[in-house]
């Protein structure tokens, strides 16, 4: 069992930055690939980025590439999402998720591959 708690959301002006954190409980964090998703009002939850168990491999949605950076600290059981050059269209609830077992990059972009989810943190970008 893995419990995930996101933090770091808030209100920021366009062009600003935020850093989200996701703290995981349990002993299996280092064996979990981690992802960030977001969901805007009236829209489906969408993939943002993922990071492999070791942190050596990352993958980003085109909409956030070169602006967002995912990282992890396995010693602290925490995954981070550094968000720069924020745009109003980045406004959403951001969720972290953990996936255990075998996976491919393609499956990691889908919500149903993940085994555990956090409660989400609101990010609002004003224009």
Protein backbone atom coordinates (compact mmCIF):
# COMPACT_ATOMS: atom_id res chain seq x y z
CA UNK A 1 0.00 0.00 0.00
CA UNK A 2 1.27 3.48 -0.92
CA UNK A 3 -0.23 6.72 0.30
CA UNK A 4 0.52 9.90 -1.63
CA UNK A 5 0.13 13.47 -0.43
CA UNK A 6 0.64 16.42 -2.78
CA UNK A 7 1.54 19.93 -1.70
CA UNK A 8 2.81 23.17 -3.15
CA UNK A 9 -0.14 24.27 -5.21
CA UNK A 10 -1.46 27.81 -5.19
CA UNK A 11 -2.21 30.94 -7.16
CA UNK A 12 0.48 32.36 -9.42
CA UNK A 13 0.60 34.90 -12.24
CA UNK A 14 1.28 33.85 -15.79
CA UNK A 15 4.99 33.45 -16.35
CA UNK A 16 5.58 32.49 -12.75
CA UNK A 17 6.77 29.25 -11.18
CA UNK A 18 5.59 26.70 -8.67
CA UNK A 19 7.11 23.55 -7.25
CA UNK A 20 4.81 20.70 -6.36
CA UNK A 21 5.82 17.91 -4.02
CA UNK A 22 4.35 14.47 -3.54
CA UNK A 23 5.32 12.63 -0.39
CA UNK A 24 4.85 8.87 -0.35
CA UNK A 25 4.45 6.57 2.60
CA UNK A 26 5.41 2.93 2.62
CA UNK A 27 8.54 1.04 1.68
CA UNK A 28 7.82 0.56 -1.99
CA UNK A 29 8.40 4.09 -3.24
CA UNK A 30 11.74 3.27 -4.86
CA UNK A 31 10.07 0.39 -6.71
CA UNK A 32 7.35 2.67 -8.10
CA UNK A 33 7.41 4.67 -11.27
CA UNK A 34 5.75 8.01 -10.56
CA UNK A 35 3.57 10.24 -12.66
CA UNK A 36 1.87 13.62 -12.53
CA UNK A 37 -1.53 14.19 -14.07
CA UNK A 38 -3.84 17.19 -14.06
CA UNK A 39 -7.54 17.80 -14.41
CA UNK A 40 -9.14 21.09 -15.34
CA UNK A 41 -12.85 21.78 -14.67
CA UNK A 42 -15.04 19.95 -17.14
CA UNK A 43 -12.13 18.08 -18.69
CA UNK A 44 -10.70 14.61 -18.38
CA UNK A 45 -7.63 13.93 -16.30
CA UNK A 46 -4.58 14.24 -18.55
CA UNK A 47 -1.01 13.05 -18.42
CA UNK A 48 1.68 15.60 -17.58
CA UNK A 49 4.89 13.68 -16.95
CA UNK A 50 6.37 10.53 -15.48
CA UNK A 51 9.68 9.40 -14.01
CA UNK A 52 11.15 5.92 -13.79
CA UNK A 53 11.98 4.14 -10.54
CA UNK A 54 15.61 5.24 -10.56
CA UNK A 55 14.87 8.70 -11.93
CA UNK A 56 16.95 8.04 -15.00
CA UNK A 57 14.09 8.23 -17.47
CA UNK A 58 11.47 10.91 -17.80
CA UNK A 59 8.76 11.67 -20.32
CA UNK A 60 6.62 14.78 -20.79
CA UNK A 61 3.43 15.77 -22.50
CA UNK A 62 4.11 18.14 -25.38
CA UNK A 63 2.12 20.88 -23.65
CA UNK A 64 4.59 21.08 -20.75
CA UNK A 65 7.85 20.03 -22.37
CA UNK A 66 10.71 22.47 -21.71
CA UNK A 67 8.66 24.21 -18.99
CA UNK A 68 8.10 21.47 -16.40
CA UNK A 69 10.67 19.21 -14.77
CA UNK A 70 9.96 16.07 -12.79
CA UNK A 71 12.46 14.69 -10.30
CA UNK A 72 12.51 12.33 -7.35
CA UNK A 73 14.43 11.74 -4.17
CA UNK A 74 14.12 8.10 -3.19
CA UNK A 75 15.81 8.74 0.15
CA UNK A 76 12.98 11.15 1.01
CA UNK A 77 10.19 9.18 -0.66
CA UNK A 78 9.26 12.31 -2.59
CA UNK A 79 8.65 13.24 -6.20
CA UNK A 80 8.70 16.84 -7.38
CA UNK A 81 7.25 18.82 -10.25
CA UNK A 82 8.99 22.10 -11.01
CA UNK A 83 6.70 24.23 -13.15
CA UNK A 84 8.14 27.30 -14.89
CA UNK A 85 6.69 29.77 -17.38
CA UNK A 86 3.21 28.92 -16.21
CA UNK A 87 0.25 29.72 -18.45
CA UNK A 88 -3.44 30.15 -17.63
CA UNK A 89 -4.12 26.88 -19.43
CA UNK A 90 -1.99 25.09 -16.82
CA UNK A 91 -4.74 25.79 -14.28
CA UNK A 92 -5.95 22.46 -12.91
CA UNK A 93 -5.88 20.11 -9.98
CA UNK A 94 -2.57 18.27 -10.12
CA UNK A 95 -2.35 14.65 -9.00
CA UNK A 96 0.64 12.43 -8.41
CA UNK A 97 0.34 8.71 -8.92
CA UNK A 98 2.42 5.60 -8.38
CA UNK A 99 2.73 2.58 -10.65
CA UNK A 100 4.23 -0.71 -9.58
CA UNK A 101 5.31 -3.63 -11.69
CA UNK A 102 6.32 -3.68 -15.33
CA UNK A 103 5.36 -0.82 -17.61
CA UNK A 104 6.09 0.87 -20.91
CA UNK A 105 6.27 4.58 -21.65
CA UNK A 106 3.03 4.35 -23.60
CA UNK A 107 1.13 2.86 -20.69
CA UNK A 108 2.53 5.40 -18.26
CA UNK A 109 0.61 8.15 -20.04
CA UNK A 110 -2.71 6.51 -19.16
CA UNK A 111 -4.51 6.84 -15.85
CA UNK A 112 -5.44 3.18 -15.60
CA UNK A 113 -1.80 2.04 -15.38
CA UNK A 114 -1.36 3.67 -11.99
CA UNK A 115 -2.08 1.84 -8.78
CA UNK A 116 -2.19 4.68 -6.26
CA UNK A 117 -3.26 8.32 -6.40
CA UNK A 118 -2.94 11.37 -4.22
CA UNK A 119 -5.80 13.68 -3.36
CA UNK A 120 -4.59 16.47 -5.65
CA UNK A 121 -3.43 20.04 -5.23
CA UNK A 122 -4.94 23.07 -6.96
CA UNK A 123 -2.81 25.19 -9.28
CA UNK A 124 -4.34 28.41 -10.55
CA UNK A 125 -2.52 30.62 -13.06
CA UNK A 126 -3.93 34.09 -13.54
CA UNK A 127 -3.47 36.06 -16.74
